[in-house]
Amino acid sequence: MTVTKIATVTFRIKPEIKAALCEAAEREQRSLANMLEVMIRDWCRREGVVSQPISVEQRQ
């Protein structure tokens, strides 16, 4: 099995967007990073950017 490094992404968002993200993450019992990853993965799948969900095995 090949190991893929985790990439770092840094960006700025408005405080109210961060608050909404924190609320969503809390409701899902996820970290902020994990919540963003799930949201991005879902959007990509819906828009055809990624044809299949990325499994845990593919990420490690």
PDB file of N, CA and C in Angstrom:
ATOM      1  N   MET A   1       0.843  -1.172   0.000  1.00  0.00           N
ATOM      2  CA  MET A   1       0.000   0.000   0.000  1.00  0.00           C
ATOM      3  C   MET A   1       0.896   1.245   0.000  1.00  0.00           C
ATOM      4  N   THR A   2       0.611   2.194  -0.875  1.00  0.00           N
ATOM      5  CA  THR A   2       1.373   3.431  -0.902  1.00  0.00           C
ATOM      6  C   THR A   2       0.788   4.409   0.103  1.00  0.00           C
ATOM      7  N   VAL A   3       1.649   5.220   0.658  1.00  0.00           N
ATOM      8  CA  VAL A   3       1.225   6.206   1.646  1.00  0.00           C
ATOM      9  C   VAL A   3       1.198   7.573   0.980  1.00  0.00           C
ATOM     10  N   THR A   4       0.061   8.261   1.079  1.00  0.00           N
ATOM     11  CA  THR A   4      -0.090   9.593   0.520  1.00  0.00           C
ATOM     12  C   THR A   4       0.019  10.603   1.645  1.00  0.00           C
ATOM     13  N   LYS A   5       0.836  11.629   1.443  1.00  0.00           N
ATOM     14  CA  LYS A   5       0.967  12.673   2.459  1.00  0.00           C
ATOM     15  C   LYS A   5      -0.305  13.509   2.507  1.00  0.00           C
ATOM     16  N   ILE A   6      -0.600  14.001   3.678  1.00  0.00           N
ATOM     17  CA  ILE A   6      -1.744  14.890   3.870  1.00  0.00           C
ATOM     18  C   ILE A   6      -1.305  16.305   3.498  1.00  0.00           C
ATOM     19  N   ALA A   7      -2.097  16.988   2.694  1.00  0.00           N
ATOM     20  CA  ALA A   7      -1.780  18.349   2.262  1.00  0.00           C
ATOM     21  C   ALA A   7      -2.366  19.358   3.242  1.00  0.00           C
ATOM     22  N   THR A   8      -1.694  20.478   3.383  1.00  0.00           N
ATOM     23  CA  THR A   8      -2.168  21.569   4.232  1.00  0.00           C
ATOM     24  C   THR A   8      -2.777  22.651   3.354  1.00  0.00           C
ATOM     25  N   VAL A   9      -3.944  23.152   3.752  1.00  0.00           N
ATOM     26  CA  VAL A   9      -4.619  24.228   3.042  1.00  0.00           C
ATOM     27  C   VAL A   9      -4.898  25.332   4.049  1.00  0.00           C
ATOM     28  N   THR A  10      -4.546  26.554   3.705  1.00  0.00           N
ATOM     29  CA  THR A  10      -4.795  27.694   4.578  1.00  0.00           C
ATOM     30  C   THR A  10      -5.577  28.748   3.796  1.00  0.00           C
ATOM     31  N   PHE A  11      -6.640  29.251   4.398  1.00  0.00           N
ATOM     32  CA  PHE A  11      -7.426  30.299   3.752  1.00  0.00           C
ATOM     33  C   PHE A  11      -8.155  31.121   4.800  1.00  0.00           C
ATOM     34  N   ARG A  12      -8.674  32.254   4.383  1.00  0.00           N
ATOM     35  CA  ARG A  12      -9.411  33.149   5.272  1.00  0.00           C
ATOM     36  C   ARG A  12     -10.885  33.143   4.893  1.00  0.00           C
ATOM     37  N   ILE A  13     -11.733  33.158   5.916  1.00  0.00           N
ATOM     38  CA  ILE A  13     -13.171  33.238   5.688  1.00  0.00           C
ATOM     39  C   ILE A  13     -13.776  34.214   6.687  1.00  0.00           C
ATOM     40  N   LYS A  14     -14.962  34.682   6.394  1.00  0.00           N
ATOM     41  CA  LYS A  14     -15.652  35.605   7.291  1.00  0.00           C
ATOM     42  C   LYS A  14     -16.016  34.880   8.581  1.00  0.00           C
ATOM     43  N   PRO A  15     -16.016  35.615   9.700  1.00  0.00           N
ATOM     44  CA  PRO A  15     -16.334  34.996  10.990  1.00  0.00           C
ATOM     45  C   PRO A  15     -17.677  34.272  11.019  1.00  0.00           C
ATOM     46  N   GLU A  16     -18.675  34.805  10.340  1.00  0.00           N
ATOM     47  CA  GLU A  16     -19.990  34.161  10.360  1.00  0.00           C
ATOM     48  C   GLU A  16     -19.977  32.834   9.591  1.00  0.00           C
ATOM     49  N   ILE A  17     -19.143  32.727   8.563  1.00  0.00           N
ATOM     50  CA  ILE A  17     -19.011  31.465   7.834  1.00  0.00           C
ATOM     51  C   ILE A  17     -18.299  30.440   8.719  1.00  0.00           C
ATOM     52  N   LYS A  18     -17.271  30.896   9.430  1.00  0.00           N
ATOM     53  CA  LYS A  18     -16.569  29.986  10.340  1.00  0.00           C
ATOM     54  C   LYS A  18     -17.508  29.513  11.450  1.00  0.00           C
ATOM     55  N   ALA A  19     -18.333  30.411  11.964  1.00  0.00           N
ATOM     56  CA  ALA A  19     -19.282  30.036  13.018  1.00  0.00           C
ATOM     57  C   ALA A  19     -20.260  28.983  12.506  1.00  0.00           C
ATOM     58  N   ALA A  20     -20.722  29.145  11.265  1.00  0.00           N
ATOM     59  CA  ALA A  20     -21.633  28.164  10.677  1.00  0.00           C
ATOM     60  C   ALA A  20     -20.930  26.822  10.494  1.00  0.00           C
ATOM     61  N   LEU A  21     -19.681  26.862  10.073  1.00  0.00           N
ATOM     62  CA  LEU A  21     -18.904  25.635   9.914  1.00  0.00           C
ATOM     63  C   LEU A  21     -18.697  24.954  11.263  1.00  0.00           C
ATOM     64  N   CYS A  22     -18.398  25.726  12.289  1.00  0.00           N
ATOM     65  CA  CYS A  22     -18.233  25.170  13.638  1.00  0.00           C
ATOM     66  C   CYS A  22     -19.521  24.512  14.115  1.00  0.00           C
ATOM     67  N   GLU A  23     -20.640  25.153  13.850  1.00  0.00           N
ATOM     68  CA  GLU A  23     -21.941  24.590  14.233  1.00  0.00           C
ATOM     69  C   GLU A  23     -22.205  23.279  13.494  1.00  0.00           C
ATOM     70  N   ALA A  24     -21.930  23.271  12.190  1.00  0.00           N
ATOM     71  CA  ALA A  24     -22.131  22.050  11.406  1.00  0.00           C
ATOM     72  C   ALA A  24     -21.231  20.927  11.908  1.00  0.00           C
ATOM     73  N   ALA A  25     -19.983  21.247  12.188  1.00  0.00           N
ATOM     74  CA  ALA A  25     -19.041  20.237  12.678  1.00  0.00           C
ATOM     75  C   ALA A  25     -19.481  19.691  14.034  1.00  0.00           C
ATOM     76  N   GLU A  26     -19.949  20.573  14.897  1.00  0.00           N
ATOM     77  CA  GLU A  26     -20.416  20.142  16.221  1.00  0.00           C
ATOM     78  C   GLU A  26     -21.628  19.213  16.096  1.00  0.00           C
ATOM     79  N   ARG A  27     -22.550  19.564  15.226  1.00  0.00           N
ATOM     80  CA  ARG A  27     -23.735  18.725  15.033  1.00  0.00           C
ATOM     81  C   ARG A  27     -23.371  17.334  14.524  1.00  0.00           C
ATOM     82  N   GLU A  28     -22.339  17.271  13.689  1.00  0.00           N
ATOM     83  CA  GLU A  28     -21.904  15.998  13.119  1.00  0.00           C
ATOM     84  C   GLU A  28     -20.834  15.306  13.966  1.00  0.00           C
ATOM     85  N   GLN A  29     -20.451  15.936  15.061  1.00  0.00           N
ATOM     86  CA  GLN A  29     -19.386  15.438  15.937  1.00  0.00           C
ATOM     87  C   GLN A  29     -18.112  15.184  15.144  1.00  0.00           C
ATOM     88  N   ARG A  30     -17.702  16.212  14.385  1.00  0.00           N
ATOM     89  CA  ARG A  30     -16.501  16.161  13.555  1.00  0.00           C
ATOM     90  C   ARG A  30     -15.597  17.337  13.899  1.00  0.00           C
ATOM     91  N   SER A  31     -14.334  17.222  13.513  1.00  0.00           N
ATOM     92  CA  SER A  31     -13.430  18.360  13.612  1.00  0.00           C
ATOM     93  C   SER A  31     -13.746  19.308  12.448  1.00  0.00           C
ATOM     94  N   LEU A  32     -13.256  20.538  12.537  1.00  0.00           N
ATOM     95  CA  LEU A  32     -13.472  21.478  11.431  1.00  0.00           C
ATOM     96  C   LEU A  32     -12.861  20.950  10.141  1.00  0.00           C
ATOM     97  N   ALA A  33     -11.641  20.440  10.237  1.00  0.00           N
ATOM     98  CA  ALA A  33     -10.964  19.916   9.045  1.00  0.00           C
ATOM     99  C   ALA A  33     -11.742  18.765   8.428  1.00  0.00           C
ATOM    100  N   ASN A  34     -12.228  17.861   9.260  1.00  0.00           N
ATOM    101  CA  ASN A  34     -12.972  16.718   8.747  1.00  0.00           C
ATOM    102  C   ASN A  34     -14.287  17.170   8.143  1.00  0.00           C
ATOM    103  N   MET A  35     -14.949  18.149   8.766  1.00  0.00           N
ATOM    104  CA  MET A  35     -16.219  18.644   8.232  1.00  0.00           C
ATOM    105  C   MET A  35     -16.006  19.252   6.855  1.00  0.00           C
ATOM    106  N   LEU A  36     -14.950  20.041   6.695  1.00  0.00           N
ATOM    107  CA  LEU A  36     -14.646  20.627   5.386  1.00  0.00           C
ATOM    108  C   LEU A  36     -14.355  19.540   4.358  1.00  0.00           C
ATOM    109  N   GLU A  37     -13.593  18.534   4.755  1.00  0.00           N
ATOM    110  CA  GLU A  37     -13.263  17.442   3.836  1.00  0.00           C
ATOM    111  C   GLU A  37     -14.536  16.732   3.373  1.00  0.00           C
ATOM    112  N   VAL A  38     -15.437  16.453   4.289  1.00  0.00           N
ATOM    113  CA  VAL A  38     -16.696  15.790   3.943  1.00  0.00           C
ATOM    114  C   VAL A  38     -17.523  16.666   3.014  1.00  0.00           C
ATOM    115  N   MET A  39     -17.622  17.946   3.316  1.00  0.00           N
ATOM    116  CA  MET A  39     -18.409  18.863   2.491  1.00  0.00           C
ATOM    117  C   MET A  39     -17.831  18.980   1.083  1.00  0.00           C
ATOM    118  N   ILE A  40     -16.528  19.095   0.982  1.00  0.00           N
ATOM    119  CA  ILE A  40     -15.880  19.212  -0.330  1.00  0.00           C
ATOM    120  C   ILE A  40     -16.042  17.925  -1.119  1.00  0.00           C
ATOM    121  N   ARG A  41     -15.837  16.787  -0.459  1.00  0.00           N
ATOM    122  CA  ARG A  41     -15.986  15.495  -1.134  1.00  0.00           C
ATOM    123  C   ARG A  41     -17.406  15.325  -1.661  1.00  0.00           C
ATOM    124  N   ASP A  42     -18.415  15.681  -0.840  1.00  0.00           N
ATOM    125  CA  ASP A  42     -19.814  15.570  -1.268  1.00  0.00           C
ATOM    126  C   ASP A  42     -20.098  16.470  -2.461  1.00  0.00           C
ATOM    127  N   TRP A  43     -19.609  17.703  -2.422  1.00  0.00           N
ATOM    128  CA  TRP A  43     -19.823  18.644  -3.536  1.00  0.00           C
ATOM    129  C   TRP A  43     -19.181  18.114  -4.810  1.00  0.00           C
ATOM    130  N   CYS A  44     -17.953  17.642  -4.701  1.00  0.00           N
ATOM    131  CA  CYS A  44     -17.245  17.107  -5.871  1.00  0.00           C
ATOM    132  C   CYS A  44     -17.991  15.923  -6.477  1.00  0.00           C
ATOM    133  N   ARG A  45     -18.508  15.046  -5.634  1.00  0.00           N
ATOM    134  CA  ARG A  45     -19.261  13.896  -6.131  1.00  0.00           C
ATOM    135  C   ARG A  45     -20.536  14.353  -6.847  1.00  0.00           C
ATOM    136  N   ARG A  46     -21.259  15.307  -6.247  1.00  0.00           N
ATOM    137  CA  ARG A  46     -22.492  15.805  -6.867  1.00  0.00           C
ATOM    138  C   ARG A  46     -22.231  16.490  -8.205  1.00  0.00           C
ATOM    139  N   GLU A  47     -21.119  17.213  -8.299  1.00  0.00           N
ATOM    140  CA  GLU A  47     -20.797  17.973  -9.510  1.00  0.00           C
ATOM    141  C   GLU A  47     -20.015  17.166 -10.547  1.00  0.00           C
ATOM    142  N   GLY A  48     -19.733  15.910 -10.231  1.00  0.00           N
ATOM    143  CA  GLY A  48     -19.032  15.066 -11.183  1.00  0.00           C
ATOM    144  C   GLY A  48     -17.528  15.256 -11.204  1.00  0.00           C
ATOM    145  N   VAL A  49     -16.992  15.975 -10.233  1.00  0.00           N
ATOM    146  CA  VAL A  49     -15.544  16.165 -10.155  1.00  0.00           C
ATOM    147  C   VAL A  49     -14.886  14.869  -9.719  1.00  0.00           C
ATOM    148  N   VAL A  50     -15.534  14.146  -8.821  1.00  0.00           N
ATOM    149  CA  VAL A  50     -15.072  12.844  -8.360  1.00  0.00           C
ATOM    150  C   VAL A  50     -16.220  11.881  -8.589  1.00  0.00           C
ATOM    151  N   SER A  51     -15.962  10.815  -9.338  1.00  0.00           N
ATOM    152  CA  SER A  51     -17.047   9.905  -9.682  1.00  0.00           C
ATOM    153  C   SER A  51     -17.455   8.991  -8.538  1.00  0.00           C
ATOM    154  N   GLN A  52     -16.513   8.708  -7.611  1.00  0.00           N
ATOM    155  CA  GLN A  52     -16.801   7.831  -6.484  1.00  0.00           C
ATOM    156  C   GLN A  52     -16.339   8.505  -5.205  1.00  0.00           C
ATOM    157  N   PRO A  53     -16.979   8.186  -4.081  1.00  0.00           N
ATOM    158  CA  PRO A  53     -16.477   8.706  -2.809  1.00  0.00           C
ATOM    159  C   PRO A  53     -15.066   8.195  -2.561  1.00  0.00           C
ATOM    160  N   ILE A  54     -14.232   9.019  -1.955  1.00  0.00           N
ATOM    161  CA  ILE A  54     -12.873   8.626  -1.632  1.00  0.00           C
ATOM    162  C   ILE A  54     -12.922   7.842  -0.342  1.00  0.00           C
ATOM    163  N   SER A  55     -12.452   6.609  -0.392  1.00  0.00           N
ATOM    164  CA  SER A  55     -12.494   5.764   0.794  1.00  0.00           C
ATOM    165  C   SER A  55     -11.304   6.062   1.698  1.00  0.00           C
ATOM    166  N   VAL A  56     -11.389   5.598   2.928  1.00  0.00           N
ATOM    167  CA  VAL A  56     -10.304   5.771   3.892  1.00  0.00           C
ATOM    168  C   VAL A  56      -9.037   5.116   3.366  1.00  0.00           C
ATOM    169  N   GLU A  57      -9.160   3.945   2.738  1.00  0.00           N
ATOM    170  CA  GLU A  57      -7.997   3.231   2.220  1.00  0.00           C
ATOM    171  C   GLU A  57      -7.283   4.040   1.153  1.00  0.00           C
ATOM    172  N   GLN A  58      -8.038   4.755   0.309  1.00  0.00           N
ATOM    173  CA  GLN A  58      -7.444   5.550  -0.762  1.00  0.00           C
ATOM    174  C   GLN A  58      -6.723   6.774  -0.203  1.00  0.00           C
ATOM    175  N   ARG A  59      -7.153   7.274   0.955  1.00  0.00           N
ATOM    176  CA  ARG A  59      -6.550   8.478   1.528  1.00  0.00           C
ATOM    177  C   ARG A  59      -5.279   8.165   2.298  1.00  0.00           C
ATOM    178  N   GLN A  60      -5.135   6.956   2.795  1.00  0.00           N
ATOM    179  CA  GLN A  60      -3.985   6.658   3.644  1.00  0.00           C
ATOM    180  C   GLN A  60      -2.765   6.313   2.860  1.00  0.00           C
TER     181      GLN A  60
END
